[in-house]
Amino acid sequence: MKYFTFLSLILLAIPSQAQEKKAEIPTAEIQIKTALLAAPDDKKEGAKVYGYDNNGNFVTLRKGTNDYVCIADNPKNNGISVACYPDKLEAFMARGRELSAAGEKGQERQEMRDKEITAGKIKMPKEGMLLIYYGKQEGYNPATGELADGKFRYVIYTPNATTESTGLPDKPYAPGMPWLMDPGTPRAHIMITP
């Protein structure tokens, strides 16, 4: 399974021109409620939340008062997927969104961020965890913002880690098994998927 494409869509939260709108854009209140499904309980109340306005533009839905950032589901993508992360990852995430909006894609976009991190233009913390909560469109209630049978995927950033330094494989051998993606790069991260 290719996790790179999935993560790119989640982390960048930028609609693809080729994708069709799946439904009406939920109210800001519902988008916030759904986005917070990915947040730890003690971070929900004060997390900053990004989402979409009525025209589909990526906007700030709620200013934060703590150290967490959440991203609402992209209404142009199939299924439901929301994400939260500590604000120390925001420079890395925001730059990914900027590059995507400028038309940069895939591996080239990742390599551009790697160079910027190495050059000190983007501050990448020594660690940070992205929490992704996702599920099927059929399990989502747009009136309440609830997602039945949702699952968590965890992404633990550990820049420049290698399979040797962590003892982790570079691919999973069983469901739920931690593994290291992008080893040896500034965006190296441990993946834990259901």
C-alpha atoms as a PDB file:
ATOM      1  CA  MET A   1       0.000   0.000   0.000  1.00  0.00           C
ATOM      2  CA  LYS A   2       1.324   3.432  -0.869  1.00  0.00           C
ATOM      3  CA  TYR A   3       1.156   5.718   2.149  1.00  0.00           C
ATOM      4  CA  PHE A   4       2.937   8.644   0.502  1.00  0.00           C
ATOM      5  CA  THR A   5      -0.036   9.664  -1.651  1.00  0.00           C
ATOM      6  CA  PHE A   6      -2.483   9.305   1.236  1.00  0.00           C
ATOM      7  CA  LEU A   7      -0.315  11.375   3.559  1.00  0.00           C
ATOM      8  CA  SER A   8       0.252  14.041   0.949  1.00  0.00           C
ATOM      9  CA  LEU A   9      -3.480  14.598   0.636  1.00  0.00           C
ATOM     10  CA  ILE A  10      -3.965  14.659   4.394  1.00  0.00           C
ATOM     11  CA  LEU A  11      -1.019  16.794   5.363  1.00  0.00           C
ATOM     12  CA  LEU A  12      -1.385  19.338   2.632  1.00  0.00           C
ATOM     13  CA  ALA A  13      -5.159  19.672   2.815  1.00  0.00           C
ATOM     14  CA  ILE A  14      -5.222  21.254  -0.631  1.00  0.00           C
ATOM     15  CA  PRO A  15      -8.030  20.262  -3.016  1.00  0.00           C
ATOM     16  CA  SER A  16      -6.990  18.622  -6.251  1.00  0.00           C
ATOM     17  CA  GLN A  17      -8.329  20.216  -9.430  1.00  0.00           C
ATOM     18  CA  ALA A  18      -9.200  16.776 -10.802  1.00  0.00           C
ATOM     19  CA  GLN A  19     -11.353  15.718  -7.870  1.00  0.00           C
ATOM     20  CA  GLU A  20     -15.066  16.306  -7.809  1.00  0.00           C
ATOM     21  CA  LYS A  21     -16.896  17.794  -4.873  1.00  0.00           C
ATOM     22  CA  LYS A  22     -18.427  14.958  -2.857  1.00  0.00           C
ATOM     23  CA  ALA A  23     -20.963  17.015  -0.920  1.00  0.00           C
ATOM     24  CA  GLU A  24     -21.844  20.423   0.392  1.00  0.00           C
ATOM     25  CA  ILE A  25     -19.206  22.057   2.534  1.00  0.00           C
ATOM     26  CA  PRO A  26     -20.265  21.560   6.159  1.00  0.00           C
ATOM     27  CA  THR A  27     -20.713  24.537   8.441  1.00  0.00           C
ATOM     28  CA  ALA A  28     -17.650  25.803  10.268  1.00  0.00           C
ATOM     29  CA  GLU A  29     -19.086  24.372  13.487  1.00  0.00           C
ATOM     30  CA  ILE A  30     -19.392  20.866  11.997  1.00  0.00           C
ATOM     31  CA  GLN A  31     -15.971  21.074  10.326  1.00  0.00           C
ATOM     32  CA  ILE A  32     -14.412  22.005  13.663  1.00  0.00           C
ATOM     33  CA  LYS A  33     -16.223  19.205  15.471  1.00  0.00           C
ATOM     34  CA  THR A  34     -15.092  16.662  12.870  1.00  0.00           C
ATOM     35  CA  ALA A  35     -11.494  17.960  12.789  1.00  0.00           C
ATOM     36  CA  LEU A  36     -11.251  17.607  16.565  1.00  0.00           C
ATOM     37  CA  LEU A  37     -11.975  13.865  16.306  1.00  0.00           C
ATOM     38  CA  ALA A  38      -8.220  13.517  15.646  1.00  0.00           C
ATOM     39  CA  ALA A  39      -7.129  15.627  18.634  1.00  0.00           C
ATOM     40  CA  PRO A  40      -6.085  14.246  22.008  1.00  0.00           C
ATOM     41  CA  ASP A  41      -8.820  14.943  24.582  1.00  0.00           C
ATOM     42  CA  ASP A  42      -6.699  17.461  26.486  1.00  0.00           C
ATOM     43  CA  LYS A  43      -5.995  19.467  23.292  1.00  0.00           C
ATOM     44  CA  LYS A  44      -9.504  19.649  21.746  1.00  0.00           C
ATOM     45  CA  GLU A  45     -10.759  22.771  23.502  1.00  0.00           C
ATOM     46  CA  GLY A  46      -7.981  25.136  22.445  1.00  0.00           C
ATOM     47  CA  ALA A  47      -6.717  23.686  19.158  1.00  0.00           C
ATOM     48  CA  LYS A  48      -6.475  25.925  16.110  1.00  0.00           C
ATOM     49  CA  VAL A  49      -8.622  24.547  13.275  1.00  0.00           C
ATOM     50  CA  TYR A  50      -8.197  24.996   9.540  1.00  0.00           C
ATOM     51  CA  GLY A  51     -10.984  24.106   7.139  1.00  0.00           C
ATOM     52  CA  TYR A  52     -12.921  25.440   4.179  1.00  0.00           C
ATOM     53  CA  ASP A  53     -15.159  28.423   3.550  1.00  0.00           C
ATOM     54  CA  ASN A  54     -18.335  28.246   1.438  1.00  0.00           C
ATOM     55  CA  ASN A  55     -16.262  28.701  -1.733  1.00  0.00           C
ATOM     56  CA  GLY A  56     -13.933  25.825  -0.868  1.00  0.00           C
ATOM     57  CA  ASN A  57     -10.996  28.066   0.110  1.00  0.00           C
ATOM     58  CA  PHE A  58      -8.650  26.788   2.806  1.00  0.00           C
ATOM     59  CA  VAL A  59      -9.094  29.123   5.806  1.00  0.00           C
ATOM     60  CA  THR A  60      -8.698  29.373   9.570  1.00  0.00           C
ATOM     61  CA  LEU A  61     -12.008  28.306  11.122  1.00  0.00           C
ATOM     62  CA  ARG A  62     -10.928  28.811  14.726  1.00  0.00           C
ATOM     63  CA  LYS A  63      -7.936  30.496  16.310  1.00  0.00           C
ATOM     64  CA  GLY A  64      -6.134  28.367  18.827  1.00  0.00           C
ATOM     65  CA  THR A  65      -5.242  28.954  22.439  1.00  0.00           C
ATOM     66  CA  ASN A  66      -2.976  25.932  22.935  1.00  0.00           C
ATOM     67  CA  ASP A  67      -0.158  24.233  21.045  1.00  0.00           C
ATOM     68  CA  TYR A  68      -2.279  22.094  18.692  1.00  0.00           C
ATOM     69  CA  VAL A  69      -3.419  22.509  15.075  1.00  0.00           C
ATOM     70  CA  CYS A  70      -6.190  20.499  13.402  1.00  0.00           C
ATOM     71  CA  ILE A  71      -7.234  20.257   9.772  1.00  0.00           C
ATOM     72  CA  ALA A  72     -10.834  19.612   8.746  1.00  0.00           C
ATOM     73  CA  ASP A  73     -11.818  17.104   6.098  1.00  0.00           C
ATOM     74  CA  ASN A  74     -11.254  18.249   2.530  1.00  0.00           C
ATOM     75  CA  PRO A  75     -14.760  18.269   1.000  1.00  0.00           C
ATOM     76  CA  LYS A  76     -13.335  17.437  -2.431  1.00  0.00           C
ATOM     77  CA  ASN A  77     -11.714  14.186  -1.328  1.00  0.00           C
ATOM     78  CA  ASN A  78     -13.456  10.844  -1.102  1.00  0.00           C
ATOM     79  CA  GLY A  79     -13.970   9.506   2.415  1.00  0.00           C
ATOM     80  CA  ILE A  80     -13.392  11.422   5.628  1.00  0.00           C
ATOM     81  CA  SER A  81      -9.947  12.271   6.911  1.00  0.00           C
ATOM     82  CA  VAL A  82      -8.945  14.820   9.552  1.00  0.00           C
ATOM     83  CA  ALA A  83      -5.586  15.460  11.154  1.00  0.00           C
ATOM     84  CA  CYS A  84      -4.067  17.167  14.206  1.00  0.00           C
ATOM     85  CA  TYR A  85      -0.492  17.910  15.190  1.00  0.00           C
ATOM     86  CA  PRO A  86       1.507  20.045  17.629  1.00  0.00           C
ATOM     87  CA  ASP A  87       2.120  23.555  16.328  1.00  0.00           C
ATOM     88  CA  LYS A  88       5.869  22.917  16.311  1.00  0.00           C
ATOM     89  CA  LEU A  89       5.180  20.996  13.055  1.00  0.00           C
ATOM     90  CA  GLU A  90       3.252  23.915  11.525  1.00  0.00           C
ATOM     91  CA  ALA A  91       6.159  25.407   9.525  1.00  0.00           C
ATOM     92  CA  PHE A  92       6.729  22.017   7.855  1.00  0.00           C
ATOM     93  CA  MET A  93       3.012  21.466   7.208  1.00  0.00           C
ATOM     94  CA  ALA A  94       2.351  25.026   6.017  1.00  0.00           C
ATOM     95  CA  ARG A  95       5.247  24.872   3.572  1.00  0.00           C
ATOM     96  CA  GLY A  96       3.828  21.653   2.140  1.00  0.00           C
ATOM     97  CA  ARG A  97       0.497  23.399   1.598  1.00  0.00           C
ATOM     98  CA  GLU A  98       2.226  26.363  -0.073  1.00  0.00           C
ATOM     99  CA  LEU A  99       4.186  24.136  -2.432  1.00  0.00           C
ATOM    100  CA  SER A 100       1.095  22.135  -3.303  1.00  0.00           C
ATOM    101  CA  ALA A 101      -0.882  25.327  -4.034  1.00  0.00           C
ATOM    102  CA  ALA A 102       1.984  26.399  -6.324  1.00  0.00           C
ATOM    103  CA  GLY A 103       1.592  23.162  -8.292  1.00  0.00           C
ATOM    104  CA  GLU A 104       4.506  21.202  -6.845  1.00  0.00           C
ATOM    105  CA  LYS A 105       3.715  17.507  -6.498  1.00  0.00           C
ATOM    106  CA  GLY A 106       4.926  14.227  -5.044  1.00  0.00           C
ATOM    107  CA  GLN A 107       8.583  13.476  -4.561  1.00  0.00           C
ATOM    108  CA  GLU A 108       9.743  16.809  -6.019  1.00  0.00           C
ATOM    109  CA  ARG A 109       7.703  18.708  -3.420  1.00  0.00           C
ATOM    110  CA  GLN A 110       9.132  16.523  -0.643  1.00  0.00           C
ATOM    111  CA  GLU A 111      12.694  17.034  -1.857  1.00  0.00           C
ATOM    112  CA  MET A 112      12.172  20.813  -1.980  1.00  0.00           C
ATOM    113  CA  ARG A 113      11.079  20.785   1.670  1.00  0.00           C
ATOM    114  CA  ASP A 114      14.012  18.545   2.584  1.00  0.00           C
ATOM    115  CA  LYS A 115      16.439  21.070   1.056  1.00  0.00           C
ATOM    116  CA  GLU A 116      14.741  23.950   2.855  1.00  0.00           C
ATOM    117  CA  ILE A 117      14.920  22.099   6.185  1.00  0.00           C
ATOM    118  CA  THR A 118      18.594  21.288   5.638  1.00  0.00           C
ATOM    119  CA  ALA A 119      19.287  24.943   4.722  1.00  0.00           C
ATOM    120  CA  GLY A 120      17.505  26.115   7.884  1.00  0.00           C
ATOM    121  CA  LYS A 121      14.657  27.836   6.016  1.00  0.00           C
ATOM    122  CA  ILE A 122      12.090  25.517   7.628  1.00  0.00           C
ATOM    123  CA  LYS A 123      12.419  24.667  11.299  1.00  0.00           C
ATOM    124  CA  MET A 124      11.774  20.958  11.751  1.00  0.00           C
ATOM    125  CA  PRO A 125      11.473  19.845  15.371  1.00  0.00           C
ATOM    126  CA  LYS A 126      13.395  16.845  16.689  1.00  0.00           C
ATOM    127  CA  GLU A 127      10.088  15.029  17.109  1.00  0.00           C
ATOM    128  CA  GLY A 128       6.362  15.542  16.719  1.00  0.00           C
ATOM    129  CA  MET A 129       3.324  13.358  16.155  1.00  0.00           C
ATOM    130  CA  LEU A 130       0.624  13.769  13.544  1.00  0.00           C
ATOM    131  CA  LEU A 131      -2.687  12.074  14.381  1.00  0.00           C
ATOM    132  CA  ILE A 132      -4.964  11.189  11.474  1.00  0.00           C
ATOM    133  CA  TYR A 133      -8.544  10.022  11.995  1.00  0.00           C
ATOM    134  CA  TYR A 134     -10.239   8.632   8.920  1.00  0.00           C
ATOM    135  CA  GLY A 135     -13.103   6.518   7.653  1.00  0.00           C
ATOM    136  CA  LYS A 136     -15.546   5.889   4.859  1.00  0.00           C
ATOM    137  CA  GLN A 137     -17.905   8.552   3.604  1.00  0.00           C
ATOM    138  CA  GLU A 138     -20.850   6.259   4.369  1.00  0.00           C
ATOM    139  CA  GLY A 139     -19.947   6.308   8.068  1.00  0.00           C
ATOM    140  CA  TYR A 140     -19.982  10.102   8.310  1.00  0.00           C
ATOM    141  CA  ASN A 141     -22.955  12.096   9.593  1.00  0.00           C
ATOM    142  CA  PRO A 142     -22.627  15.638   8.156  1.00  0.00           C
ATOM    143  CA  ALA A 143     -25.375  16.899  10.469  1.00  0.00           C
ATOM    144  CA  THR A 144     -23.502  15.940  13.645  1.00  0.00           C
ATOM    145  CA  GLY A 145     -19.868  15.739  12.500  1.00  0.00           C
ATOM    146  CA  GLU A 146     -19.570  12.189  13.826  1.00  0.00           C
ATOM    147  CA  LEU A 147     -17.732   9.360  12.061  1.00  0.00           C
ATOM    148  CA  ALA A 148     -18.739   5.762  12.725  1.00  0.00           C
ATOM    149  CA  ASP A 149     -15.977   3.157  12.632  1.00  0.00           C
ATOM    150  CA  GLY A 150     -13.200   5.751  12.271  1.00  0.00           C
ATOM    151  CA  LYS A 151      -9.585   4.660  12.701  1.00  0.00           C
ATOM    152  CA  PHE A 152      -6.392   6.360  13.779  1.00  0.00           C
ATOM    153  CA  ARG A 153      -3.140   6.480  11.867  1.00  0.00           C
ATOM    154  CA  TYR A 154      -0.123   7.845  13.727  1.00  0.00           C
ATOM    155  CA  VAL A 155       2.865   9.567  12.136  1.00  0.00           C
ATOM    156  CA  ILE A 156       5.758  10.235  14.504  1.00  0.00           C
ATOM    157  CA  TYR A 157       8.351  12.537  12.949  1.00  0.00           C
ATOM    158  CA  THR A 158      11.925  11.764  13.844  1.00  0.00           C
ATOM    159  CA  PRO A 159      14.129  13.651  11.355  1.00  0.00           C
ATOM    160  CA  ASN A 160      17.021  11.772   9.753  1.00  0.00           C
ATOM    161  CA  ALA A 161      16.231   8.542  11.603  1.00  0.00           C
ATOM    162  CA  THR A 162      17.273   5.352   9.861  1.00  0.00           C
ATOM    163  CA  THR A 163      16.266   1.733  10.107  1.00  0.00           C
ATOM    164  CA  GLU A 164      19.588   1.152  11.866  1.00  0.00           C
ATOM    165  CA  SER A 165      19.115   3.935  14.433  1.00  0.00           C
ATOM    166  CA  THR A 166      15.543   2.933  15.246  1.00  0.00           C
ATOM    167  CA  GLY A 167      15.586  -0.828  14.717  1.00  0.00           C
ATOM    168  CA  LEU A 168      12.391  -0.448  12.688  1.00  0.00           C
ATOM    169  CA  PRO A 169      11.827  -1.912   9.225  1.00  0.00           C
ATOM    170  CA  ASP A 170      11.171   0.346   6.225  1.00  0.00           C
ATOM    171  CA  LYS A 171       7.805  -1.322   5.559  1.00  0.00           C
ATOM    172  CA  PRO A 172       5.149  -2.962   7.709  1.00  0.00           C
ATOM    173  CA  TYR A 173       4.946  -6.731   7.960  1.00  0.00           C
ATOM    174  CA  ALA A 174       1.662  -6.846   9.907  1.00  0.00           C
ATOM    175  CA  PRO A 175      -1.275  -4.511  10.638  1.00  0.00           C
ATOM    176  CA  GLY A 176      -0.518  -2.073  13.443  1.00  0.00           C
ATOM    177  CA  MET A 177       3.223  -2.652  13.193  1.00  0.00           C
ATOM    178  CA  PRO A 178       5.386   0.487  13.491  1.00  0.00           C
ATOM    179  CA  TRP A 179       7.698   1.091  10.537  1.00  0.00           C
ATOM    180  CA  LEU A 180       9.974   3.883   9.331  1.00  0.00           C
ATOM    181  CA  MET A 181       9.001   5.866   6.242  1.00  0.00           C
ATOM    182  CA  ASP A 182      11.462   8.091   4.384  1.00  0.00           C
ATOM    183  CA  PRO A 183      14.454   6.907   6.445  1.00  0.00           C
ATOM    184  CA  GLY A 184      17.518   9.130   6.456  1.00  0.00           C
ATOM    185  CA  THR A 185      15.629  12.248   5.349  1.00  0.00           C
ATOM    186  CA  PRO A 186      14.606  15.352   7.325  1.00  0.00           C
ATOM    187  CA  ARG A 187      10.988  14.112   7.084  1.00  0.00           C
ATOM    188  CA  ALA A 188      11.692  10.577   8.362  1.00  0.00           C
ATOM    189  CA  HIS A 189       8.755   9.326  10.381  1.00  0.00           C
ATOM    190  CA  ILE A 190       7.447   6.259  12.144  1.00  0.00           C
ATOM    191  CA  MET A 191       4.124   5.073  10.753  1.00  0.00           C
ATOM    192  CA  ILE A 192       1.611   3.164  12.872  1.00  0.00           C
ATOM    193  CA  THR A 193      -1.424   2.123  10.865  1.00  0.00           C
ATOM    194  CA  PRO A 194      -4.357  -0.166  11.648  1.00  0.00           C
END
